[in-house]
Protein backbone atom coordinates (compact mmCIF):
# COMPACT_ATOMS: atom_id res chain seq x y z
CA UNK A 1 0.00 0.00 0.00
CA UNK A 2 1.35 3.43 -0.95
CA UNK A 3 1.76 6.03 1.80
CA UNK A 4 2.08 9.57 0.41
CA UNK A 5 4.39 11.91 2.34
CA UNK A 6 4.23 15.71 2.45
CA UNK A 7 6.24 18.60 3.86
CA UNK A 8 4.68 21.08 6.30
CA UNK A 9 3.28 23.26 3.52
CA UNK A 10 1.32 20.31 2.13
CA UNK A 11 3.51 19.72 -0.93
CA UNK A 12 3.87 16.07 -1.91
CA UNK A 13 7.57 15.20 -1.56
CA UNK A 14 7.85 11.40 -1.39
CA UNK A 15 6.03 8.13 -0.94
CA UNK A 16 6.58 4.96 1.04
CA UNK A 17 5.95 1.56 -0.47
CA UNK A 18 6.67 -1.47 1.69
CA UNK A 19 9.90 -0.60 3.52
CA UNK A 20 11.24 1.71 0.80
CA UNK A 21 10.95 5.46 0.28
CA UNK A 22 10.81 7.06 -3.17
CA UNK A 23 10.91 10.65 -4.41
CA UNK A 24 7.82 12.16 -6.03
CA UNK A 25 9.42 11.14 -9.36
CA UNK A 26 9.32 7.46 -8.26
CA UNK A 27 13.10 7.19 -7.79
CA UNK A 28 14.36 5.13 -4.87
CA UNK A 29 15.91 7.38 -2.19
CA UNK A 30 16.14 5.11 0.86
CA UNK A 31 14.48 2.61 3.14
CA UNK A 32 13.21 2.01 6.67
CA UNK A 33 15.71 -0.50 8.10
CA UNK A 34 14.37 -0.60 11.67
CA UNK A 35 10.69 -1.06 10.75
CA UNK A 36 9.80 2.22 12.40
CA UNK A 37 9.29 5.82 11.23
CA UNK A 38 13.00 6.54 10.58
CA UNK A 39 14.45 6.28 7.07
CA UNK A 40 18.02 6.16 5.83
CA UNK A 41 19.30 7.10 2.37
CA UNK A 42 20.84 4.64 -0.08
CA UNK A 43 24.21 5.01 1.66
CA UNK A 44 22.76 4.14 5.07
CA UNK A 45 22.81 7.66 6.54
CA UNK A 46 19.81 9.06 8.37
CA UNK A 47 17.43 10.70 5.91
CA UNK A 48 14.24 11.63 7.75
CA UNK A 49 11.27 10.49 9.80
CA UNK A 50 7.53 10.13 9.28
CA UNK A 51 5.26 12.16 11.57
CA UNK A 52 1.46 12.04 11.81
CA UNK A 53 1.30 9.25 9.20
CA UNK A 54 1.81 11.59 6.22
CA UNK A 55 4.56 14.14 7.02
CA UNK A 56 8.25 13.58 6.32
CA UNK A 57 10.73 15.78 8.21
CA UNK A 58 14.37 15.58 9.15
CA UNK A 59 15.14 15.45 12.86
CA UNK A 60 17.82 18.03 13.69
CA UNK A 61 19.29 15.57 16.17
CA UNK A 62 19.00 11.86 15.43
CA UNK A 63 20.39 9.25 17.79
CA UNK A 64 22.52 6.72 15.89
CA UNK A 65 20.78 3.34 15.83
CA UNK A 66 23.59 1.25 14.40
CA UNK A 67 24.50 0.17 10.89
CA UNK A 68 21.29 -0.37 8.91
CA UNK A 69 22.72 -2.86 6.42
CA UNK A 70 21.73 -2.70 2.76
CA UNK A 71 18.41 -3.99 1.45
CA UNK A 72 19.35 -4.37 -2.19
CA UNK A 73 17.89 -2.37 -5.04
CA UNK A 74 14.08 -2.50 -4.86
CA UNK A 75 13.43 -1.90 -8.55
CA UNK A 76 11.03 0.57 -10.10
CA UNK A 77 7.69 0.81 -8.26
CA UNK A 78 5.75 2.50 -11.03
CA UNK A 79 4.35 5.99 -10.75
CA UNK A 80 1.82 6.12 -7.90
CA UNK A 81 -0.25 8.98 -9.30
CA UNK A 82 -0.58 12.49 -7.96
CA UNK A 83 -2.14 12.59 -4.48
CA UNK A 84 -2.93 16.29 -4.50
CA UNK A 85 -2.35 18.89 -1.82
CA UNK A 86 -1.85 17.61 1.72
CA UNK A 87 -2.80 20.78 3.60
CA UNK A 88 -0.64 22.80 5.93
CA UNK A 89 0.60 21.31 9.24
CA UNK A 90 3.06 22.92 11.60
CA UNK A 91 6.35 21.11 12.02
CA UNK A 92 7.25 19.52 15.35
CA UNK A 93 10.03 21.25 17.28
CA UNK A 94 13.48 20.01 16.35
CA UNK A 95 12.65 19.17 12.74
CA UNK A 96 13.48 20.61 9.33
CA UNK A 97 11.32 20.57 6.22
CA UNK A 98 12.45 18.93 3.00
CA UNK A 99 12.68 20.83 -0.25
CA UNK A 100 11.03 18.51 -2.80
CA UNK A 101 13.87 19.19 -5.26
CA UNK A 102 16.42 17.85 -2.77
CA UNK A 103 14.66 14.48 -2.63
CA UNK A 104 14.30 14.39 -6.41
CA UNK A 105 18.05 15.03 -6.80
CA UNK A 106 18.81 12.39 -4.18
CA UNK A 107 16.93 9.87 -6.31
CA UNK A 108 19.04 10.75 -9.34
CA UNK A 109 22.32 9.90 -7.58
PDB file of N, CA and C in Angstrom:
ATOM      1  N   UNK A   1       0.831  -1.175   0.000  1.00  0.00           N
ATOM      2  CA  UNK A   1       0.000   0.000   0.000  1.00  0.00           C
ATOM      3  C   UNK A   1       0.885   1.251   0.000  1.00  0.00           C
ATOM      4  N   UNK A   2       0.574   2.202  -0.824  1.00  0.00           N
ATOM      5  CA  UNK A   2       1.354   3.426  -0.946  1.00  0.00           C
ATOM      6  C   UNK A   2       0.962   4.404   0.159  1.00  0.00           C
ATOM      7  N   UNK A   3       1.970   4.999   0.780  1.00  0.00           N
ATOM      8  CA  UNK A   3       1.764   6.028   1.798  1.00  0.00           C
ATOM      9  C   UNK A   3       2.394   7.316   1.270  1.00  0.00           C
ATOM     10  N   UNK A   4       1.585   8.298   0.931  1.00  0.00           N
ATOM     11  CA  UNK A   4       2.080   9.567   0.411  1.00  0.00           C
ATOM     12  C   UNK A   4       2.612  10.415   1.556  1.00  0.00           C
ATOM     13  N   UNK A   5       3.738  11.097   1.310  1.00  0.00           N
ATOM     14  CA  UNK A   5       4.394  11.908   2.338  1.00  0.00           C
ATOM     15  C   UNK A   5       4.517  13.346   1.862  1.00  0.00           C
ATOM     16  N   UNK A   6       4.258  14.284   2.759  1.00  0.00           N
ATOM     17  CA  UNK A   6       4.229  15.707   2.450  1.00  0.00           C
ATOM     18  C   UNK A   6       5.176  16.470   3.369  1.00  0.00           C
ATOM     19  N   UNK A   7       5.544  17.703   2.944  1.00  0.00           N
ATOM     20  CA  UNK A   7       6.242  18.596   3.859  1.00  0.00           C
ATOM     21  C   UNK A   7       5.196  19.418   4.616  1.00  0.00           C
ATOM     22  N   UNK A   8       5.638  20.351   5.457  1.00  0.00           N
ATOM     23  CA  UNK A   8       4.680  21.079   6.302  1.00  0.00           C
ATOM     24  C   UNK A   8       3.742  21.977   5.508  1.00  0.00           C
ATOM     25  N   UNK A   9       4.153  22.404   4.316  1.00  0.00           N
ATOM     26  CA  UNK A   9       3.283  23.265   3.516  1.00  0.00           C
ATOM     27  C   UNK A   9       2.252  22.471   2.708  1.00  0.00           C
ATOM     28  N   UNK A  10       2.290  21.141   2.821  1.00  0.00           N
ATOM     29  CA  UNK A  10       1.316  20.308   2.126  1.00  0.00           C
ATOM     30  C   UNK A  10       1.752  19.846   0.762  1.00  0.00           C
ATOM     31  N   UNK A  11       2.986  20.147   0.376  1.00  0.00           N
ATOM     32  CA  UNK A  11       3.507  19.725  -0.932  1.00  0.00           C
ATOM     33  C   UNK A  11       3.923  18.259  -0.853  1.00  0.00           C
ATOM     34  N   UNK A  12       3.502  17.478  -1.836  1.00  0.00           N
ATOM     35  CA  UNK A  12       3.870  16.072  -1.905  1.00  0.00           C
ATOM     36  C   UNK A  12       5.348  15.977  -2.220  1.00  0.00           C
ATOM     37  N   UNK A  13       6.115  15.269  -1.374  1.00  0.00           N
ATOM     38  CA  UNK A  13       7.569  15.200  -1.562  1.00  0.00           C
ATOM     39  C   UNK A  13       8.091  13.785  -1.744  1.00  0.00           C
ATOM     40  N   UNK A  14       7.352  12.774  -1.314  1.00  0.00           N
ATOM     41  CA  UNK A  14       7.853  11.397  -1.389  1.00  0.00           C
ATOM     42  C   UNK A  14       6.698  10.429  -1.149  1.00  0.00           C
ATOM     43  N   UNK A  15       6.994   9.144  -1.317  1.00  0.00           N
ATOM     44  CA  UNK A  15       6.026   8.127  -0.936  1.00  0.00           C
ATOM     45  C   UNK A  15       6.751   6.892  -0.410  1.00  0.00           C
ATOM     46  N   UNK A  16       6.058   6.192   0.465  1.00  0.00           N
ATOM     47  CA  UNK A  16       6.583   4.962   1.041  1.00  0.00           C
ATOM     48  C   UNK A  16       5.815   3.801   0.452  1.00  0.00           C
ATOM     49  N   UNK A  17       6.550   2.787   0.038  1.00  0.00           N
ATOM     50  CA  UNK A  17       5.955   1.557  -0.470  1.00  0.00           C
ATOM     51  C   UNK A  17       6.721   0.405   0.166  1.00  0.00           C
ATOM     52  N   UNK A  18       6.028  -0.426   0.894  1.00  0.00           N
ATOM     53  CA  UNK A  18       6.665  -1.471   1.691  1.00  0.00           C
ATOM     54  C   UNK A  18       7.655  -0.801   2.648  1.00  0.00           C
ATOM     55  N   UNK A  19       8.911  -1.198   2.634  1.00  0.00           N
ATOM     56  CA  UNK A  19       9.904  -0.598   3.522  1.00  0.00           C
ATOM     57  C   UNK A  19      10.823   0.364   2.786  1.00  0.00           C
ATOM     58  N   UNK A  20      10.422   0.819   1.618  1.00  0.00           N
ATOM     59  CA  UNK A  20      11.236   1.711   0.800  1.00  0.00           C
ATOM     60  C   UNK A  20      10.597   3.083   0.699  1.00  0.00           C
ATOM     61  N   UNK A  21      11.448   4.099   0.493  1.00  0.00           N
ATOM     62  CA  UNK A  21      10.948   5.461   0.279  1.00  0.00           C
ATOM     63  C   UNK A  21      11.438   5.936  -1.083  1.00  0.00           C
ATOM     64  N   UNK A  22      10.542   6.579  -1.815  1.00  0.00           N
ATOM     65  CA  UNK A  22      10.808   7.059  -3.170  1.00  0.00           C
ATOM     66  C   UNK A  22      10.510   8.553  -3.248  1.00  0.00           C
ATOM     67  N   UNK A  23      11.210   9.237  -4.157  1.00  0.00           N
ATOM     68  CA  UNK A  23      10.914  10.647  -4.413  1.00  0.00           C
ATOM     69  C   UNK A  23       9.572  10.753  -5.135  1.00  0.00           C
ATOM     70  N   UNK A  24       9.085  11.953  -5.311  1.00  0.00           N
ATOM     71  CA  UNK A  24       7.824  12.155  -6.035  1.00  0.00           C
ATOM     72  C   UNK A  24       7.954  11.799  -7.518  1.00  0.00           C
ATOM     73  N   UNK A  25       9.185  11.584  -7.980  1.00  0.00           N
ATOM     74  CA  UNK A  25       9.418  11.135  -9.358  1.00  0.00           C
ATOM     75  C   UNK A  25       9.601   9.626  -9.439  1.00  0.00           C
ATOM     76  N   UNK A  26       9.262   8.918  -8.350  1.00  0.00           N
ATOM     77  CA  UNK A  26       9.317   7.456  -8.265  1.00  0.00           C
ATOM     78  C   UNK A  26      10.734   6.906  -8.360  1.00  0.00           C
ATOM     79  N   UNK A  27      11.706   7.651  -7.856  1.00  0.00           N
ATOM     80  CA  UNK A  27      13.095   7.185  -7.791  1.00  0.00           C
ATOM     81  C   UNK A  27      13.396   6.784  -6.355  1.00  0.00           C
ATOM     82  N   UNK A  28      14.037   5.642  -6.193  1.00  0.00           N
ATOM     83  CA  UNK A  28      14.363   5.128  -4.871  1.00  0.00           C
ATOM     84  C   UNK A  28      15.341   6.061  -4.170  1.00  0.00           C
ATOM     85  N   UNK A  29      15.020   6.497  -2.941  1.00  0.00           N
ATOM     86  CA  UNK A  29      15.913   7.381  -2.190  1.00  0.00           C
ATOM     87  C   UNK A  29      16.344   6.784  -0.856  1.00  0.00           C
ATOM     88  N   UNK A  30      15.730   5.711  -0.401  1.00  0.00           N
ATOM     89  CA  UNK A  30      16.135   5.109   0.863  1.00  0.00           C
ATOM     90  C   UNK A  30      15.176   4.035   1.327  1.00  0.00           C
ATOM     91  N   UNK A  31      15.328   3.643   2.574  1.00  0.00           N
ATOM     92  CA  UNK A  31      14.485   2.609   3.141  1.00  0.00           C
ATOM     93  C   UNK A  31      14.365   2.780   4.652  1.00  0.00           C
ATOM     94  N   UNK A  32      13.497   1.977   5.240  1.00  0.00           N
ATOM     95  CA  UNK A  32      13.207   2.008   6.666  1.00  0.00           C
ATOM     96  C   UNK A  32      13.773   0.726   7.295  1.00  0.00           C
ATOM     97  N   UNK A  33      15.054   0.737   7.674  1.00  0.00           N
ATOM     98  CA  UNK A  33      15.715  -0.496   8.101  1.00  0.00           C
ATOM     99  C   UNK A  33      15.275  -1.026   9.459  1.00  0.00           C
ATOM    100  N   UNK A  34      14.713  -0.177  10.310  1.00  0.00           N
ATOM    101  CA  UNK A  34      14.366  -0.601  11.666  1.00  0.00           C
ATOM    102  C   UNK A  34      12.864  -0.826  11.824  1.00  0.00           C
ATOM    103  N   UNK A  35      12.148  -0.845  10.721  1.00  0.00           N
ATOM    104  CA  UNK A  35      10.692  -1.058  10.747  1.00  0.00           C
ATOM    105  C   UNK A  35       9.982  -0.087  11.683  1.00  0.00           C
ATOM    106  N   UNK A  36      10.455   1.162  11.650  1.00  0.00           N
ATOM    107  CA  UNK A  36       9.796   2.225  12.401  1.00  0.00           C
ATOM    108  C   UNK A  36       9.655   3.435  11.481  1.00  0.00           C
ATOM    109  N   UNK A  37       9.528   4.622  12.034  1.00  0.00           N
ATOM    110  CA  UNK A  37       9.292   5.819  11.226  1.00  0.00           C
ATOM    111  C   UNK A  37      10.560   6.467  10.675  1.00  0.00           C
ATOM    112  N   UNK A  38      11.734   5.918  10.974  1.00  0.00           N
ATOM    113  CA  UNK A  38      12.999   6.542  10.582  1.00  0.00           C
ATOM    114  C   UNK A  38      13.576   5.899   9.326  1.00  0.00           C
ATOM    115  N   UNK A  39      13.908   6.750   8.348  1.00  0.00           N
ATOM    116  CA  UNK A  39      14.453   6.279   7.074  1.00  0.00           C
ATOM    117  C   UNK A  39      15.922   6.657   6.945  1.00  0.00           C
ATOM    118  N   UNK A  40      16.643   5.857   6.188  1.00  0.00           N
ATOM    119  CA  UNK A  40      18.023   6.163   5.825  1.00  0.00           C
ATOM    120  C   UNK A  40      18.093   6.277   4.307  1.00  0.00           C
ATOM    121  N   UNK A  41      19.121   6.988   3.821  1.00  0.00           N
ATOM    122  CA  UNK A  41      19.298   7.098   2.373  1.00  0.00           C
ATOM    123  C   UNK A  41      19.970   5.838   1.831  1.00  0.00           C
ATOM    124  N   UNK A  42      20.266   5.821   0.547  1.00  0.00           N
ATOM    125  CA  UNK A  42      20.838   4.635  -0.084  1.00  0.00           C
ATOM    126  C   UNK A  42      22.225   4.297   0.444  1.00  0.00           C
ATOM    127  N   UNK A  43      22.880   5.247   1.086  1.00  0.00           N
ATOM    128  CA  UNK A  43      24.214   5.011   1.661  1.00  0.00           C
ATOM    129  C   UNK A  43      24.134   4.609   3.127  1.00  0.00           C
ATOM    130  N   UNK A  44      22.940   4.558   3.692  1.00  0.00           N
ATOM    131  CA  UNK A  44      22.765   4.144   5.073  1.00  0.00           C
ATOM    132  C   UNK A  44      22.806   5.269   6.088  1.00  0.00           C
ATOM    133  N   UNK A  45      22.825   6.520   5.627  1.00  0.00           N
ATOM    134  CA  UNK A  45      22.815   7.663   6.543  1.00  0.00           C
ATOM    135  C   UNK A  45      21.376   8.104   6.801  1.00  0.00           C
ATOM    136  N   UNK A  46      21.148   8.600   8.017  1.00  0.00           N
ATOM    137  CA  UNK A  46      19.810   9.055   8.373  1.00  0.00           C
ATOM    138  C   UNK A  46      19.285  10.052   7.344  1.00  0.00           C
ATOM    139  N   UNK A  47      18.060   9.831   6.894  1.00  0.00           N
ATOM    140  CA  UNK A  47      17.430  10.696   5.908  1.00  0.00           C
ATOM    141  C   UNK A  47      16.325  11.532   6.536  1.00  0.00           C
ATOM    142  N   UNK A  48      15.356  10.902   7.184  1.00  0.00           N
ATOM    143  CA  UNK A  48      14.238  11.625   7.753  1.00  0.00           C
ATOM    144  C   UNK A  48      13.291  10.686   8.463  1.00  0.00           C
ATOM    145  N   UNK A  49      12.227  11.261   9.013  1.00  0.00           N
ATOM    146  CA  UNK A  49      11.269  10.487   9.801  1.00  0.00           C
ATOM    147  C   UNK A  49       9.843  10.870   9.439  1.00  0.00           C
ATOM    148  N   UNK A  50       8.947   9.906   9.536  1.00  0.00           N
ATOM    149  CA  UNK A  50       7.528  10.133   9.276  1.00  0.00           C
ATOM    150  C   UNK A  50       6.855  10.590  10.569  1.00  0.00           C
ATOM    151  N   UNK A  51       6.056  11.645  10.458  1.00  0.00           N
ATOM    152  CA  UNK A  51       5.262  12.162  11.569  1.00  0.00           C
ATOM    153  C   UNK A  51       3.802  12.203  11.138  1.00  0.00           C
ATOM    154  N   UNK A  52       2.903  11.945  12.050  1.00  0.00           N
ATOM    155  CA  UNK A  52       1.456  12.041  11.808  1.00  0.00           C
ATOM    156  C   UNK A  52       1.001  11.252  10.582  1.00  0.00           C
ATOM    157  N   UNK A  53       1.647  10.167  10.289  1.00  0.00           N
ATOM    158  CA  UNK A  53       1.299   9.247   9.195  1.00  0.00           C
ATOM    159  C   UNK A  53       1.480   9.785   7.780  1.00  0.00           C
ATOM    160  N   UNK A  54       1.679  11.103   7.600  1.00  0.00           N
ATOM    161  CA  UNK A  54       1.810  11.595   6.223  1.00  0.00           C
ATOM    162  C   UNK A  54       2.798  12.750   6.068  1.00  0.00           C
ATOM    163  N   UNK A  55       3.581  13.048   7.101  1.00  0.00           N
ATOM    164  CA  UNK A  55       4.565  14.137   7.015  1.00  0.00           C
ATOM    165  C   UNK A  55       5.956  13.550   7.121  1.00  0.00           C
ATOM    166  N   UNK A  56       6.871  14.063   6.313  1.00  0.00           N
ATOM    167  CA  UNK A  56       8.249  13.582   6.316  1.00  0.00           C
ATOM    168  C   UNK A  56       9.166  14.758   6.604  1.00  0.00           C
ATOM    169  N   UNK A  57       9.830  14.715   7.760  1.00  0.00           N
ATOM    170  CA  UNK A  57      10.733  15.778   8.205  1.00  0.00           C
ATOM    171  C   UNK A  57      12.061  15.161   8.617  1.00  0.00           C
ATOM    172  N   UNK A  58      13.070  16.004   8.658  1.00  0.00           N
ATOM    173  CA  UNK A  58      14.373  15.577   9.148  1.00  0.00           C
ATOM    174  C   UNK A  58      14.513  16.030  10.591  1.00  0.00           C
ATOM    175  N   UNK A  59      14.859  15.100  11.474  1.00  0.00           N
ATOM    176  CA  UNK A  59      15.140  15.448  12.855  1.00  0.00           C
ATOM    177  C   UNK A  59      16.488  16.159  12.911  1.00  0.00           C
ATOM    178  N   UNK A  60      16.559  17.282  13.590  1.00  0.00           N
ATOM    179  CA  UNK A  60      17.819  18.025  13.692  1.00  0.00           C
ATOM    180  C   UNK A  60      18.861  17.260  14.495  1.00  0.00           C
ATOM    181  N   UNK A  61      18.404  16.398  15.369  1.00  0.00           N
ATOM    182  CA  UNK A  61      19.294  15.567  16.174  1.00  0.00           C
ATOM    183  C   UNK A  61      18.742  14.150  16.167  1.00  0.00           C
ATOM    184  N   UNK A  62      19.451  13.246  15.531  1.00  0.00           N
ATOM    185  CA  UNK A  62      19.001  11.859  15.426  1.00  0.00           C
ATOM    186  C   UNK A  62      20.001  10.961  16.127  1.00  0.00           C
ATOM    187  N   UNK A  63      19.521  10.163  17.069  1.00  0.00           N
ATOM    188  CA  UNK A  63      20.395   9.248  17.791  1.00  0.00           C
ATOM    189  C   UNK A  63      20.744   8.067  16.900  1.00  0.00           C
ATOM    190  N   UNK A  64      22.028   7.816  16.723  1.00  0.00           N
ATOM    191  CA  UNK A  64      22.520   6.724  15.889  1.00  0.00           C
ATOM    192  C   UNK A  64      21.960   5.392  16.383  1.00  0.00           C
ATOM    193  N   UNK A  65      21.413   4.605  15.468  1.00  0.00           N
ATOM    194  CA  UNK A  65      20.779   3.338  15.830  1.00  0.00           C
ATOM    195  C   UNK A  65      21.588   2.127  15.375  1.00  0.00           C
ATOM    196  N   UNK A  66      22.782   2.355  14.881  1.00  0.00           N
ATOM    197  CA  UNK A  66      23.595   1.254  14.395  1.00  0.00           C
ATOM    198  C   UNK A  66      23.532   1.145  12.885  1.00  0.00           C
ATOM    199  N   UNK A  67      24.422   0.335  12.340  1.00  0.00           N
ATOM    200  CA  UNK A  67      24.505   0.166  10.892  1.00  0.00           C
ATOM    201  C   UNK A  67      23.220  -0.486  10.370  1.00  0.00           C
ATOM    202  N   UNK A  68      22.570   0.160   9.389  1.00  0.00           N
ATOM    203  CA  UNK A  68      21.288  -0.368   8.915  1.00  0.00           C
ATOM    204  C   UNK A  68      21.392  -1.512   7.913  1.00  0.00           C
ATOM    205  N   UNK A  69      22.599  -1.838   7.459  1.00  0.00           N
ATOM    206  CA  UNK A  69      22.722  -2.857   6.424  1.00  0.00           C
ATOM    207  C   UNK A  69      22.338  -2.278   5.076  1.00  0.00           C
ATOM    208  N   UNK A  70      22.123  -3.140   4.104  1.00  0.00           N
ATOM    209  CA  UNK A  70      21.730  -2.702   2.764  1.00  0.00           C
ATOM    210  C   UNK A  70      20.663  -3.647   2.243  1.00  0.00           C
ATOM    211  N   UNK A  71      19.522  -3.108   1.826  1.00  0.00           N
ATOM    212  CA  UNK A  71      18.408  -3.986   1.454  1.00  0.00           C
ATOM    213  C   UNK A  71      18.486  -4.544   0.045  1.00  0.00           C
ATOM    214  N   UNK A  72      19.368  -4.023  -0.783  1.00  0.00           N
ATOM    215  CA  UNK A  72      19.355  -4.371  -2.193  1.00  0.00           C
ATOM    216  C   UNK A  72      18.437  -3.432  -2.944  1.00  0.00           C
ATOM    217  N   UNK A  73      18.670  -3.291  -4.227  1.00  0.00           N
ATOM    218  CA  UNK A  73      17.885  -2.372  -5.037  1.00  0.00           C
ATOM    219  C   UNK A  73      16.450  -2.874  -5.171  1.00  0.00           C
ATOM    220  N   UNK A  74      15.463  -2.027  -4.842  1.00  0.00           N
ATOM    221  CA  UNK A  74      14.076  -2.496  -4.857  1.00  0.00           C
ATOM    222  C   UNK A  74      13.423  -2.528  -6.228  1.00  0.00           C
ATOM    223  N   UNK A  75      14.050  -1.955  -7.233  1.00  0.00           N
ATOM    224  CA  UNK A  75      13.425  -1.897  -8.546  1.00  0.00           C
ATOM    225  C   UNK A  75      12.509  -0.695  -8.675  1.00  0.00           C
ATOM    226  N   UNK A  76      11.890  -0.565  -9.824  1.00  0.00           N
ATOM    227  CA  UNK A  76      11.028   0.570 -10.104  1.00  0.00           C
ATOM    228  C   UNK A  76       9.599   0.264  -9.660  1.00  0.00           C
ATOM    229  N   UNK A  77       9.022   1.113  -8.800  1.00  0.00           N
ATOM    230  CA  UNK A  77       7.695   0.809  -8.265  1.00  0.00           C
ATOM    231  C   UNK A  77       6.540   1.186  -9.172  1.00  0.00           C
ATOM    232  N   UNK A  78       6.830   1.931 -10.227  1.00  0.00           N
ATOM    233  CA  UNK A  78       5.746   2.498 -11.028  1.00  0.00           C
ATOM    234  C   UNK A  78       5.323   3.820 -10.429  1.00  0.00           C
ATOM    235  N   UNK A  79       4.756   4.677 -11.243  1.00  0.00           N
ATOM    236  CA  UNK A  79       4.345   5.988 -10.755  1.00  0.00           C
ATOM    237  C   UNK A  79       3.047   5.851  -9.968  1.00  0.00           C
ATOM    238  N   UNK A  80       2.996   6.345  -8.730  1.00  0.00           N
ATOM    239  CA  UNK A  80       1.819   6.117  -7.897  1.00  0.00           C
ATOM    240  C   UNK A  80       0.647   7.055  -8.167  1.00  0.00           C
ATOM    241  N   UNK A  81       0.809   8.001  -9.081  1.00  0.00           N
ATOM    242  CA  UNK A  81      -0.249   8.982  -9.300  1.00  0.00           C
ATOM    243  C   UNK A  81      -0.006  10.206  -8.452  1.00  0.00           C
ATOM    244  N   UNK A  82      -0.745  11.246  -8.710  1.00  0.00           N
ATOM    245  CA  UNK A  82      -0.576  12.491  -7.960  1.00  0.00           C
ATOM    246  C   UNK A  82      -1.617  12.555  -6.848  1.00  0.00           C
ATOM    247  N   UNK A  83      -1.170  12.634  -5.580  1.00  0.00           N
ATOM    248  CA  UNK A  83      -2.137  12.594  -4.483  1.00  0.00           C
ATOM    249  C   UNK A  83      -2.812  13.923  -4.178  1.00  0.00           C
ATOM    250  N   UNK A  84      -2.340  14.998  -4.790  1.00  0.00           N
ATOM    251  CA  UNK A  84      -2.929  16.295  -4.504  1.00  0.00           C
ATOM    252  C   UNK A  84      -2.264  16.982  -3.325  1.00  0.00           C
ATOM    253  N   UNK A  85      -2.878  18.055  -2.891  1.00  0.00           N
ATOM    254  CA  UNK A  85      -2.353  18.892  -1.823  1.00  0.00           C
ATOM    255  C   UNK A  85      -2.662  18.268  -0.469  1.00  0.00           C
ATOM    256  N   UNK A  86      -1.674  18.241   0.419  1.00  0.00           N
ATOM    257  CA  UNK A  86      -1.853  17.614   1.721  1.00  0.00           C
ATOM    258  C   UNK A  86      -2.341  18.527   2.822  1.00  0.00           C
ATOM    259  N   UNK A  87      -2.388  19.837   2.565  1.00  0.00           N
ATOM    260  CA  UNK A  87      -2.798  20.776   3.604  1.00  0.00           C
ATOM    261  C   UNK A  87      -1.635  21.138   4.512  1.00  0.00           C
ATOM    262  N   UNK A  88      -1.698  22.311   5.071  1.00  0.00           N
ATOM    263  CA  UNK A  88      -0.635  22.801   5.935  1.00  0.00           C
ATOM    264  C   UNK A  88      -0.707  22.132   7.307  1.00  0.00           C
ATOM    265  N   UNK A  89       0.471  21.790   7.857  1.00  0.00           N
ATOM    266  CA  UNK A  89       0.600  21.315   9.237  1.00  0.00           C
ATOM    267  C   UNK A  89       1.879  21.913   9.792  1.00  0.00           C
ATOM    268  N   UNK A  90       1.842  22.378  11.012  1.00  0.00           N
ATOM    269  CA  UNK A  90       3.063  22.923  11.599  1.00  0.00           C
ATOM    270  C   UNK A  90       4.032  21.784  11.913  1.00  0.00           C
ATOM    271  N   UNK A  91       5.313  22.092  11.759  1.00  0.00           N
ATOM    272  CA  UNK A  91       6.352  21.106  12.019  1.00  0.00           C
ATOM    273  C   UNK A  91       6.561  20.931  13.521  1.00  0.00           C
ATOM    274  N   UNK A  92       6.871  19.717  13.945  1.00  0.00           N
ATOM    275  CA  UNK A  92       7.247  19.518  15.346  1.00  0.00           C
ATOM    276  C   UNK A  92       8.569  20.231  15.642  1.00  0.00           C
ATOM    277  N   UNK A  93       8.759  20.641  16.889  1.00  0.00           N
ATOM    278  CA  UNK A  93      10.031  21.247  17.279  1.00  0.00           C
ATOM    279  C   UNK A  93      11.174  20.278  17.019  1.00  0.00           C
ATOM    280  N   UNK A  94      12.301  20.835  16.587  1.00  0.00           N
ATOM    281  CA  UNK A  94      13.481  20.008  16.352  1.00  0.00           C
ATOM    282  C   UNK A  94      13.503  19.311  15.015  1.00  0.00           C
ATOM    283  N   UNK A  95      12.672  19.774  14.072  1.00  0.00           N
ATOM    284  CA  UNK A  95      12.649  19.173  12.737  1.00  0.00           C
ATOM    285  C   UNK A  95      12.882  20.227  11.666  1.00  0.00           C
ATOM    286  N   UNK A  96      13.261  19.757  10.493  1.00  0.00           N
ATOM    287  CA  UNK A  96      13.483  20.606   9.330  1.00  0.00           C
ATOM    288  C   UNK A  96      12.660  20.061   8.179  1.00  0.00           C
ATOM    289  N   UNK A  97      12.084  20.957   7.405  1.00  0.00           N
ATOM    290  CA  UNK A  97      11.317  20.574   6.220  1.00  0.00           C
ATOM    291  C   UNK A  97      12.245  20.142   5.092  1.00  0.00           C
ATOM    292  N   UNK A  98      11.722  19.311   4.198  1.00  0.00           N
ATOM    293  CA  UNK A  98      12.450  18.931   2.996  1.00  0.00           C
ATOM    294  C   UNK A  98      11.996  19.781   1.825  1.00  0.00           C
ATOM    295  N   UNK A  99      12.959  20.224   1.048  1.00  0.00           N
ATOM    296  CA  UNK A  99      12.683  20.832  -0.247  1.00  0.00           C
ATOM    297  C   UNK A  99      12.434  19.663  -1.202  1.00  0.00           C
ATOM    298  N   UNK A 100      11.312  19.631  -1.896  1.00  0.00           N
ATOM    299  CA  UNK A 100      11.031  18.512  -2.801  1.00  0.00           C
ATOM    300  C   UNK A 100      12.148  18.270  -3.816  1.00  0.00           C
ATOM    301  N   UNK A 101      12.785  19.340  -4.279  1.00  0.00           N
ATOM    302  CA  UNK A 101      13.869  19.190  -5.263  1.00  0.00           C
ATOM    303  C   UNK A 101      15.054  18.428  -4.694  1.00  0.00           C
ATOM    304  N   UNK A 102      15.314  18.582  -3.403  1.00  0.00           N
ATOM    305  CA  UNK A 102      16.421  17.855  -2.774  1.00  0.00           C
ATOM    306  C   UNK A 102      16.181  16.351  -2.870  1.00  0.00           C
ATOM    307  N   UNK A 103      14.964  15.909  -2.570  1.00  0.00           N
ATOM    308  CA  UNK A 103      14.661  14.484  -2.626  1.00  0.00           C
ATOM    309  C   UNK A 103      14.675  13.962  -4.061  1.00  0.00           C
ATOM    310  N   UNK A 104      14.245  14.782  -4.995  1.00  0.00           N
ATOM    311  CA  UNK A 104      14.300  14.390  -6.405  1.00  0.00           C
ATOM    312  C   UNK A 104      15.756  14.194  -6.832  1.00  0.00           C
ATOM    313  N   UNK A 105      16.623  15.142  -6.463  1.00  0.00           N
ATOM    314  CA  UNK A 105      18.046  15.029  -6.801  1.00  0.00           C
ATOM    315  C   UNK A 105      18.689  13.831  -6.125  1.00  0.00           C
ATOM    316  N   UNK A 106      18.278  13.544  -4.906  1.00  0.00           N
ATOM    317  CA  UNK A 106      18.809  12.385  -4.180  1.00  0.00           C
ATOM    318  C   UNK A 106      18.485  11.092  -4.941  1.00  0.00           C
ATOM    319  N   UNK A 107      17.319  11.037  -5.529  1.00  0.00           N
ATOM    320  CA  UNK A 107      16.931   9.865  -6.305  1.00  0.00           C
ATOM    321  C   UNK A 107      17.701   9.710  -7.603  1.00  0.00           C
ATOM    322  N   UNK A 108      18.267  10.800  -8.089  1.00  0.00           N
ATOM    323  CA  UNK A 108      19.040  10.752  -9.344  1.00  0.00           C
ATOM    324  C   UNK A 108      20.476  10.289  -9.122  1.00  0.00           C
ATOM    325  N   UNK A 109      20.923  10.285  -7.877  1.00  0.00           N
ATOM    326  CA  UNK A 109      22.316   9.899  -7.582  1.00  0.00           C
ATOM    327  C   UNK A 109      22.515   8.416  -7.654  1.00  0.00           C
TER     328      UNK A 109
END
